[in-house]
All heavy atoms as atom14 arrays in JSON, in Angstrom:
{
  "sequence": "INDSQVEQRLHLSPLAVDAGLRSGLAVPMLVGEQIIGVLAV",
  "atom14_mask": [
    [1, 1, 1, 1, 1, 1, 1, 1, 0, 0, 0, 0, 0, 0],
    [1, 1, 1, 1, 1, 1, 1, 1, 0, 0, 0, 0, 0, 0],
    [1, 1, 1, 1, 1, 1, 1, 1, 0, 0, 0, 0, 0, 0],
    [1, 1, 1, 1, 1, 1, 0, 0, 0, 0, 0, 0, 0, 0],
    [1, 1, 1, 1, 1, 1, 1, 1, 1, 0, 0, 0, 0, 0],
    [1, 1, 1, 1, 1, 1, 1, 0, 0, 0, 0, 0, 0, 0],
    [1, 1, 1, 1, 1, 1, 1, 1, 1, 0, 0, 0, 0, 0],
    [1, 1, 1, 1, 1, 1, 1, 1, 1, 0, 0, 0, 0, 0],
    [1, 1, 1, 1, 1, 1, 1, 1, 1, 1, 1, 0, 0, 0],
    [1, 1, 1, 1, 1, 1, 1, 1, 0, 0, 0, 0, 0, 0],
    [1, 1, 1, 1, 1, 1, 1, 1, 1, 1, 0, 0, 0, 0],
    [1, 1, 1, 1, 1, 1, 1, 1, 0, 0, 0, 0, 0, 0],
    [1, 1, 1, 1, 1, 1, 0, 0, 0, 0, 0, 0, 0, 0],
    [1, 1, 1, 1, 1, 1, 1, 0, 0, 0, 0, 0, 0, 0],
    [1, 1, 1, 1, 1, 1, 1, 1, 0, 0, 0, 0, 0, 0],
    [1, 1, 1, 1, 1, 0, 0, 0, 0, 0, 0, 0, 0, 0],
    [1, 1, 1, 1, 1, 1, 1, 0, 0, 0, 0, 0, 0, 0],
    [1, 1, 1, 1, 1, 1, 1, 1, 0, 0, 0, 0, 0, 0],
    [1, 1, 1, 1, 1, 0, 0, 0, 0, 0, 0, 0, 0, 0],
    [1, 1, 1, 1, 0, 0, 0, 0, 0, 0, 0, 0, 0, 0],
    [1, 1, 1, 1, 1, 1, 1, 1, 0, 0, 0, 0, 0, 0],
    [1, 1, 1, 1, 1, 1, 1, 1, 1, 1, 1, 0, 0, 0],
    [1, 1, 1, 1, 1, 1, 0, 0, 0, 0, 0, 0, 0, 0],
    [1, 1, 1, 1, 0, 0, 0, 0, 0, 0, 0, 0, 0, 0],
    [1, 1, 1, 1, 1, 1, 1, 1, 0, 0, 0, 0, 0, 0],
    [1, 1, 1, 1, 1, 0, 0, 0, 0, 0, 0, 0, 0, 0],
    [1, 1, 1, 1, 1, 1, 1, 0, 0, 0, 0, 0, 0, 0],
    [1, 1, 1, 1, 1, 1, 1, 0, 0, 0, 0, 0, 0, 0],
    [1, 1, 1, 1, 1, 1, 1, 1, 0, 0, 0, 0, 0, 0],
    [1, 1, 1, 1, 1, 1, 1, 1, 0, 0, 0, 0, 0, 0],
    [1, 1, 1, 1, 1, 1, 1, 0, 0, 0, 0, 0, 0, 0],
    [1, 1, 1, 1, 0, 0, 0, 0, 0, 0, 0, 0, 0, 0],
    [1, 1, 1, 1, 1, 1, 1, 1, 1, 0, 0, 0, 0, 0],
    [1, 1, 1, 1, 1, 1, 1, 1, 1, 0, 0, 0, 0, 0],
    [1, 1, 1, 1, 1, 1, 1, 1, 0, 0, 0, 0, 0, 0],
    [1, 1, 1, 1, 1, 1, 1, 1, 0, 0, 0, 0, 0, 0],
    [1, 1, 1, 1, 0, 0, 0, 0, 0, 0, 0, 0, 0, 0],
    [1, 1, 1, 1, 1, 1, 1, 0, 0, 0, 0, 0, 0, 0],
    [1, 1, 1, 1, 1, 1, 1, 1, 0, 0, 0, 0, 0, 0],
    [1, 1, 1, 1, 1, 0, 0, 0, 0, 0, 0, 0, 0, 0],
    [1, 1, 1, 1, 1, 1, 1, 0, 0, 0, 0, 0, 0, 0]
  ],
  "atom14_positions": [
    [[-2.2, -28.04, -1.11], [-1.47, -29.31, -1.09], [-0.94, -29.45, 0.33], [-0.1, -28.67, 0.76], [-0.32, -29.3, -2.1], [-0.86, -29.24, -3.53], [0.56, -30.56, -1.92], [0.22, -29.09, -4.59], [0.0, 0.0, 0.0], [0.0, 0.0, 0.0], [0.0, 0.0, 0.0], [0.0, 0.0, 0.0], [0.0, 0.0, 0.0], [0.0, 0.0, 0.0]],
    [[-1.45, -30.45, 1.06], [-1.02, -30.61, 2.46], [0.39, -31.21, 2.56], [1.13, -30.9, 3.48], [-2.02, -31.51, 3.2], [-3.34, -30.81, 3.4], [-3.4, -29.61, 3.55], [-4.41, -31.61, 3.4], [0.0, 0.0, 0.0], [0.0, 0.0, 0.0], [0.0, 0.0, 0.0], [0.0, 0.0, 0.0], [0.0, 0.0, 0.0], [0.0, 0.0, 0.0]],
    [[0.74, -32.04, 1.61], [2.1, -32.64, 1.57], [2.38, -33.05, 0.12], [1.79, -33.96, -0.38], [2.16, -33.85, 2.49], [3.6, -34.37, 2.65], [4.47, -34.0, 1.86], [3.8, -35.19, 3.57], [0.0, 0.0, 0.0], [0.0, 0.0, 0.0], [0.0, 0.0, 0.0], [0.0, 0.0, 0.0], [0.0, 0.0, 0.0], [0.0, 0.0, 0.0]],
    [[3.33, -32.36, -0.48], [3.64, -32.61, -1.89], [4.22, -33.98, -2.13], [4.2, -34.5, -3.27], [4.62, -31.55, -2.41], [5.85, -31.59, -1.7], [0.0, 0.0, 0.0], [0.0, 0.0, 0.0], [0.0, 0.0, 0.0], [0.0, 0.0, 0.0], [0.0, 0.0, 0.0], [0.0, 0.0, 0.0], [0.0, 0.0, 0.0], [0.0, 0.0, 0.0]],
    [[4.73, -34.62, -1.08], [5.32, -35.93, -1.25], [4.24, -37.04, -1.18], [4.53, -38.21, -1.43], [6.37, -36.17, -0.16], [7.57, -35.23, -0.3], [8.66, -35.52, 0.71], [8.66, -36.54, 1.41], [9.63, -34.61, 0.83], [0.0, 0.0, 0.0], [0.0, 0.0, 0.0], [0.0, 0.0, 0.0], [0.0, 0.0, 0.0], [0.0, 0.0, 0.0]],
    [[3.02, -36.65, -0.82], [1.93, -37.59, -0.73], [0.84, -37.27, -1.76], [0.25, -38.18, -2.35], [1.32, -37.59, 0.68], [0.11, -38.51, 0.76], [2.35, -38.02, 1.71], [0.0, 0.0, 0.0], [0.0, 0.0, 0.0], [0.0, 0.0, 0.0], [0.0, 0.0, 0.0], [0.0, 0.0, 0.0], [0.0, 0.0, 0.0], [0.0, 0.0, 0.0]],
    [[0.59, -35.99, -1.97], [-0.48, -35.53, -2.88], [-0.27, -36.09, -4.29], [0.82, -36.01, -4.83], [-0.52, -34.02, -2.9], [-1.48, -33.42, -3.9], [-2.91, -33.68, -3.57], [-3.3, -33.49, -2.37], [-3.67, -34.06, -4.49], [0.0, 0.0, 0.0], [0.0, 0.0, 0.0], [0.0, 0.0, 0.0], [0.0, 0.0, 0.0], [0.0, 0.0, 0.0]],
    [[-1.37, -36.6, -4.87], [-1.32, -37.12, -6.22], [-2.05, -36.27, -7.23], [-1.75, -36.3, -8.43], [-1.93, -38.56, -6.23], [-1.16, -39.55, -5.36], [0.25, -39.8, -5.86], [0.49, -39.95, -7.04], [1.18, -39.86, -4.92], [0.0, 0.0, 0.0], [0.0, 0.0, 0.0], [0.0, 0.0, 0.0], [0.0, 0.0, 0.0], [0.0, 0.0, 0.0]],
    [[-3.07, -35.49, -6.79], [-3.88, -34.71, -7.74], [-3.15, -33.51, -8.26], [-3.21, -33.22, -9.45], [-5.17, -34.29, -7.02], [-6.13, -35.34, -6.58], [-7.36, -34.72, -5.95], [-7.01, -33.76, -4.94], [-7.24, -32.44, -4.99], [-7.82, -31.93, -6.05], [-6.9, -31.64, -4.03], [0.0, 0.0, 0.0], [0.0, 0.0, 0.0], [0.0, 0.0, 0.0]],
    [[-2.51, -32.76, -7.34], [-1.89, -31.49, -7.7], [-0.4, -31.51, -7.32], [0.0, -32.33, -6.47], [-2.56, -30.31, -7.01], [-4.06, -30.13, -7.28], [-4.62, -28.99, -6.38], [-4.35, -29.85, -8.74], [0.0, 0.0, 0.0], [0.0, 0.0, 0.0], [0.0, 0.0, 0.0], [0.0, 0.0, 0.0], [0.0, 0.0, 0.0], [0.0, 0.0, 0.0]],
    [[0.37, -30.65, -7.93], [1.79, -30.59, -7.59], [2.25, -29.13, -7.45], [1.66, -28.23, -8.07], [2.63, -31.31, -8.63], [2.59, -30.71, -10.02], [3.27, -29.59, -10.39], [1.88, -31.09, -11.12], [3.03, -29.28, -11.64], [2.16, -30.18, -12.12], [0.0, 0.0, 0.0], [0.0, 0.0, 0.0], [0.0, 0.0, 0.0], [0.0, 0.0, 0.0]],
    [[3.25, -28.96, -6.67], [3.88, -27.62, -6.53], [4.78, -27.38, -7.72], [5.16, -28.32, -8.46], [4.71, -27.56, -5.24], [3.97, -27.71, -3.91], [4.95, -27.72, -2.75], [2.94, -26.57, -3.74], [0.0, 0.0, 0.0], [0.0, 0.0, 0.0], [0.0, 0.0, 0.0], [0.0, 0.0, 0.0], [0.0, 0.0, 0.0], [0.0, 0.0, 0.0]],
    [[5.13, -26.13, -7.94], [6.04, -25.8, -9.04], [7.42, -26.37, -8.78], [7.8, -26.61, -7.62], [6.14, -24.28, -9.18], [6.82, -23.71, -8.09], [0.0, 0.0, 0.0], [0.0, 0.0, 0.0], [0.0, 0.0, 0.0], [0.0, 0.0, 0.0], [0.0, 0.0, 0.0], [0.0, 0.0, 0.0], [0.0, 0.0, 0.0], [0.0, 0.0, 0.0]],
    [[8.21, -26.66, -9.84], [9.56, -27.2, -9.66], [10.43, -26.29, -8.79], [11.23, -26.77, -7.99], [10.09, -27.27, -11.11], [8.87, -27.46, -11.94], [7.8, -26.62, -11.3], [0.0, 0.0, 0.0], [0.0, 0.0, 0.0], [0.0, 0.0, 0.0], [0.0, 0.0, 0.0], [0.0, 0.0, 0.0], [0.0, 0.0, 0.0], [0.0, 0.0, 0.0]],
    [[10.26, -24.99, -8.9], [11.04, -24.05, -8.09], [10.71, -24.22, -6.61], [11.59, -24.15, -5.75], [10.79, -22.6, -8.55], [11.77, -21.56, -8.02], [13.19, -21.87, -8.4], [11.36, -20.17, -8.53], [0.0, 0.0, 0.0], [0.0, 0.0, 0.0], [0.0, 0.0, 0.0], [0.0, 0.0, 0.0], [0.0, 0.0, 0.0], [0.0, 0.0, 0.0]],
    [[9.42, -24.42, -6.3], [8.99, -24.64, -4.92], [9.58, -25.92, -4.38], [10.05, -25.98, -3.21], [7.47, -24.63, -4.84], [0.0, 0.0, 0.0], [0.0, 0.0, 0.0], [0.0, 0.0, 0.0], [0.0, 0.0, 0.0], [0.0, 0.0, 0.0], [0.0, 0.0, 0.0], [0.0, 0.0, 0.0], [0.0, 0.0, 0.0], [0.0, 0.0, 0.0]],
    [[9.54, -26.94, -5.18], [10.11, -28.25, -4.76], [11.6, -28.12, -4.52], [12.13, -28.6, -3.52], [9.79, -29.34, -5.79], [10.5, -30.63, -5.44], [8.3, -29.59, -5.91], [0.0, 0.0, 0.0], [0.0, 0.0, 0.0], [0.0, 0.0, 0.0], [0.0, 0.0, 0.0], [0.0, 0.0, 0.0], [0.0, 0.0, 0.0], [0.0, 0.0, 0.0]],
    [[12.3, -27.45, -5.45], [13.75, -27.27, -5.26], [14.09, -26.45, -4.02], [15.18, -26.62, -3.47], [14.3, -26.56, -6.52], [14.28, -27.43, -7.77], [14.11, -28.67, -7.59], [14.41, -26.92, -8.87], [0.0, 0.0, 0.0], [0.0, 0.0, 0.0], [0.0, 0.0, 0.0], [0.0, 0.0, 0.0], [0.0, 0.0, 0.0], [0.0, 0.0, 0.0]],
    [[13.16, -25.59, -3.6], [13.39, -24.76, -2.42], [13.07, -25.53, -1.14], [13.18, -24.98, -0.02], [12.55, -23.51, -2.5], [0.0, 0.0, 0.0], [0.0, 0.0, 0.0], [0.0, 0.0, 0.0], [0.0, 0.0, 0.0], [0.0, 0.0, 0.0], [0.0, 0.0, 0.0], [0.0, 0.0, 0.0], [0.0, 0.0, 0.0], [0.0, 0.0, 0.0]],
    [[12.62, -26.79, -1.26], [12.35, -27.6, -0.09], [10.98, -27.36, 0.51], [10.7, -27.77, 1.65], [0.0, 0.0, 0.0], [0.0, 0.0, 0.0], [0.0, 0.0, 0.0], [0.0, 0.0, 0.0], [0.0, 0.0, 0.0], [0.0, 0.0, 0.0], [0.0, 0.0, 0.0], [0.0, 0.0, 0.0], [0.0, 0.0, 0.0], [0.0, 0.0, 0.0]],
    [[10.05, -26.73, -0.26], [8.71, -26.5, 0.24], [7.85, -27.76, 0.1], [7.92, -28.43, -0.93], [8.08, -25.33, -0.52], [8.87, -23.99, -0.39], [8.28, -22.94, -1.28], [8.85, -23.55, 1.06], [0.0, 0.0, 0.0], [0.0, 0.0, 0.0], [0.0, 0.0, 0.0], [0.0, 0.0, 0.0], [0.0, 0.0, 0.0], [0.0, 0.0, 0.0]],
    [[7.1, -28.07, 1.1], [6.32, -29.33, 1.12], [4.83, -29.12, 0.95], [4.13, -30.01, 0.51], [6.57, -30.04, 2.47], [7.91, -30.69, 2.64], [8.01, -32.0, 1.97], [7.11, -33.02, 2.53], [7.41, -33.8, 3.56], [8.56, -33.66, 4.19], [6.56, -34.71, 3.98], [0.0, 0.0, 0.0], [0.0, 0.0, 0.0], [0.0, 0.0, 0.0]],
    [[4.32, -27.96, 1.35], [2.86, -27.7, 1.28], [2.57, -26.33, 0.8], [3.43, -25.43, 0.9], [2.25, -27.98, 2.65], [2.84, -27.16, 3.65], [0.0, 0.0, 0.0], [0.0, 0.0, 0.0], [0.0, 0.0, 0.0], [0.0, 0.0, 0.0], [0.0, 0.0, 0.0], [0.0, 0.0, 0.0], [0.0, 0.0, 0.0], [0.0, 0.0, 0.0]],
    [[1.37, -26.11, 0.3], [1.0, -24.78, -0.21], [-0.51, -24.59, -0.27], [-1.26, -25.57, -0.47], [0.0, 0.0, 0.0], [0.0, 0.0, 0.0], [0.0, 0.0, 0.0], [0.0, 0.0, 0.0], [0.0, 0.0, 0.0], [0.0, 0.0, 0.0], [0.0, 0.0, 0.0], [0.0, 0.0, 0.0], [0.0, 0.0, 0.0], [0.0, 0.0, 0.0]],
    [[-0.92, -23.34, -0.09], [-2.3, -22.94, -0.22], [-2.36, -21.75, -1.17], [-1.59, -20.8, -1.02], [-2.86, -22.52, 1.15], [-4.19, -21.73, 1.18], [-5.32, -22.62, 0.65], [-4.47, -21.27, 2.62], [0.0, 0.0, 0.0], [0.0, 0.0, 0.0], [0.0, 0.0, 0.0], [0.0, 0.0, 0.0], [0.0, 0.0, 0.0], [0.0, 0.0, 0.0]],
    [[-3.21, -21.83, -2.19], [-3.29, -20.78, -3.17], [-4.74, -20.37, -3.38], [-5.64, -21.17, -3.34], [-2.69, -21.24, -4.52], [0.0, 0.0, 0.0], [0.0, 0.0, 0.0], [0.0, 0.0, 0.0], [0.0, 0.0, 0.0], [0.0, 0.0, 0.0], [0.0, 0.0, 0.0], [0.0, 0.0, 0.0], [0.0, 0.0, 0.0], [0.0, 0.0, 0.0]],
    [[-4.96, -19.06, -3.64], [-6.3, -18.52, -3.84], [-6.25, -17.56, -5.03], [-5.22, -16.99, -5.36], [-6.81, -17.79, -2.59], [-6.92, -18.71, -1.39], [-5.94, -16.56, -2.27], [0.0, 0.0, 0.0], [0.0, 0.0, 0.0], [0.0, 0.0, 0.0], [0.0, 0.0, 0.0], [0.0, 0.0, 0.0], [0.0, 0.0, 0.0], [0.0, 0.0, 0.0]],
    [[-7.39, -17.39, -5.69], [-7.45, -16.48, -6.84], [-7.49, -15.02, -6.4], [-8.01, -14.7, -5.33], [-8.74, -16.87, -7.54], [-9.61, -17.37, -6.43], [-8.67, -18.08, -5.47], [0.0, 0.0, 0.0], [0.0, 0.0, 0.0], [0.0, 0.0, 0.0], [0.0, 0.0, 0.0], [0.0, 0.0, 0.0], [0.0, 0.0, 0.0], [0.0, 0.0, 0.0]],
    [[-6.94, -14.16, -7.2], [-7.07, -12.7, -7.04], [-8.11, -12.26, -8.04], [-7.89, -12.34, -9.26], [-5.75, -11.98, -7.26], [-4.69, -12.31, -6.24], [-3.08, -11.63, -6.68], [-3.45, -9.86, -6.68], [0.0, 0.0, 0.0], [0.0, 0.0, 0.0], [0.0, 0.0, 0.0], [0.0, 0.0, 0.0], [0.0, 0.0, 0.0], [0.0, 0.0, 0.0]],
    [[-9.27, -11.85, -7.56], [-10.39, -11.56, -8.45], [-10.79, -10.08, -8.42], [-10.77, -9.46, -7.34], [-11.61, -12.38, -8.06], [-11.48, -13.91, -8.17], [-12.65, -14.59, -7.52], [-11.38, -14.32, -9.61], [0.0, 0.0, 0.0], [0.0, 0.0, 0.0], [0.0, 0.0, 0.0], [0.0, 0.0, 0.0], [0.0, 0.0, 0.0], [0.0, 0.0, 0.0]],
    [[-11.1, -9.56, -9.59], [-11.74, -8.24, -9.7], [-13.02, -8.48, -10.46], [-12.98, -8.72, -11.66], [-10.83, -7.23, -10.42], [-11.57, -5.91, -10.6], [-9.53, -7.01, -9.65], [0.0, 0.0, 0.0], [0.0, 0.0, 0.0], [0.0, 0.0, 0.0], [0.0, 0.0, 0.0], [0.0, 0.0, 0.0], [0.0, 0.0, 0.0], [0.0, 0.0, 0.0]],
    [[-14.13, -8.48, -9.76], [-15.36, -8.9, -10.36], [-15.28, -10.4, -10.67], [-14.95, -11.17, -9.78], [0.0, 0.0, 0.0], [0.0, 0.0, 0.0], [0.0, 0.0, 0.0], [0.0, 0.0, 0.0], [0.0, 0.0, 0.0], [0.0, 0.0, 0.0], [0.0, 0.0, 0.0], [0.0, 0.0, 0.0], [0.0, 0.0, 0.0], [0.0, 0.0, 0.0]],
    [[-15.52, -10.79, -11.9], [-15.42, -12.19, -12.32], [-14.08, -12.48, -12.96], [-13.81, -13.64, -13.32], [-16.56, -12.53, -13.26], [-17.94, -12.45, -12.65], [-18.1, -13.42, -11.5], [-17.66, -14.54, -11.64], [-18.65, -13.01, -10.46], [0.0, 0.0, 0.0], [0.0, 0.0, 0.0], [0.0, 0.0, 0.0], [0.0, 0.0, 0.0], [0.0, 0.0, 0.0]],
    [[-13.26, -11.46, -13.12], [-11.97, -11.63, -13.82], [-10.88, -11.99, -12.84], [-10.64, -11.32, -11.85], [-11.58, -10.35, -14.56], [-10.24, -10.38, -15.24], [-10.24, -11.32, -16.43], [-11.12, -11.26, -17.27], [-9.25, -12.19, -16.49], [0.0, 0.0, 0.0], [0.0, 0.0, 0.0], [0.0, 0.0, 0.0], [0.0, 0.0, 0.0], [0.0, 0.0, 0.0]],
    [[-10.15, -13.09, -13.11], [-9.0, -13.45, -12.3], [-7.78, -12.74, -12.85], [-7.49, -12.78, -14.04], [-8.79, -14.97, -12.26], [-7.63, -15.33, -11.32], [-8.57, -15.55, -13.67], [-7.53, -16.81, -10.98], [0.0, 0.0, 0.0], [0.0, 0.0, 0.0], [0.0, 0.0, 0.0], [0.0, 0.0, 0.0], [0.0, 0.0, 0.0], [0.0, 0.0, 0.0]],
    [[-7.09, -12.03, -11.98], [-5.88, -11.3, -12.44], [-4.59, -11.87, -11.88], [-3.5, -11.47, -12.26], [-5.98, -9.81, -12.01], [-5.91, -9.68, -10.48], [-7.22, -9.16, -12.58], [-5.72, -8.22, -10.02], [0.0, 0.0, 0.0], [0.0, 0.0, 0.0], [0.0, 0.0, 0.0], [0.0, 0.0, 0.0], [0.0, 0.0, 0.0], [0.0, 0.0, 0.0]],
    [[-4.71, -12.87, -10.99], [-3.51, -13.47, -10.47], [-3.82, -14.5, -9.42], [-4.99, -14.84, -9.15], [0.0, 0.0, 0.0], [0.0, 0.0, 0.0], [0.0, 0.0, 0.0], [0.0, 0.0, 0.0], [0.0, 0.0, 0.0], [0.0, 0.0, 0.0], [0.0, 0.0, 0.0], [0.0, 0.0, 0.0], [0.0, 0.0, 0.0], [0.0, 0.0, 0.0]],
    [[-2.75, -15.01, -8.79], [-2.88, -16.02, -7.73], [-1.95, -15.62, -6.58], [-0.82, -15.2, -6.78], [-2.45, -17.4, -8.29], [-2.36, -18.44, -7.13], [-3.41, -17.9, -9.35], [0.0, 0.0, 0.0], [0.0, 0.0, 0.0], [0.0, 0.0, 0.0], [0.0, 0.0, 0.0], [0.0, 0.0, 0.0], [0.0, 0.0, 0.0], [0.0, 0.0, 0.0]],
    [[-2.48, -15.73, -5.36], [-1.71, -15.48, -4.17], [-1.54, -16.8, -3.44], [-2.53, -17.52, -3.2], [-2.44, -14.5, -3.25], [-1.75, -14.09, -1.94], [-0.44, -13.36, -2.23], [-2.65, -13.25, -1.05], [0.0, 0.0, 0.0], [0.0, 0.0, 0.0], [0.0, 0.0, 0.0], [0.0, 0.0, 0.0], [0.0, 0.0, 0.0], [0.0, 0.0, 0.0]],
    [[-0.28, -17.18, -3.13], [-0.02, -18.5, -2.55], [0.93, -18.4, -1.37], [1.88, -17.59, -1.39], [0.56, -19.42, -3.62], [0.0, 0.0, 0.0], [0.0, 0.0, 0.0], [0.0, 0.0, 0.0], [0.0, 0.0, 0.0], [0.0, 0.0, 0.0], [0.0, 0.0, 0.0], [0.0, 0.0, 0.0], [0.0, 0.0, 0.0], [0.0, 0.0, 0.0]],
    [[0.69, -19.2, -0.34], [1.58, -19.3, 0.79], [2.12, -20.74, 0.82], [1.45, -21.69, 0.37], [0.9, -18.97, 2.11], [0.6, -17.5, 2.23], [-0.41, -19.76, 2.31], [0.0, 0.0, 0.0], [0.0, 0.0, 0.0], [0.0, 0.0, 0.0], [0.0, 0.0, 0.0], [0.0, 0.0, 0.0], [0.0, 0.0, 0.0], [0.0, 0.0, 0.0]]
  ]
}
């Protein structure tokens, strides 16, 4: 999400919004084909 105040498709979590965060990049944590989590900046 390049700018949460403009983006319409996806949204940041309420906690991220409350913390004043405007943008985010997230990727899957994969072991083989199994996703075990998400890493986000």
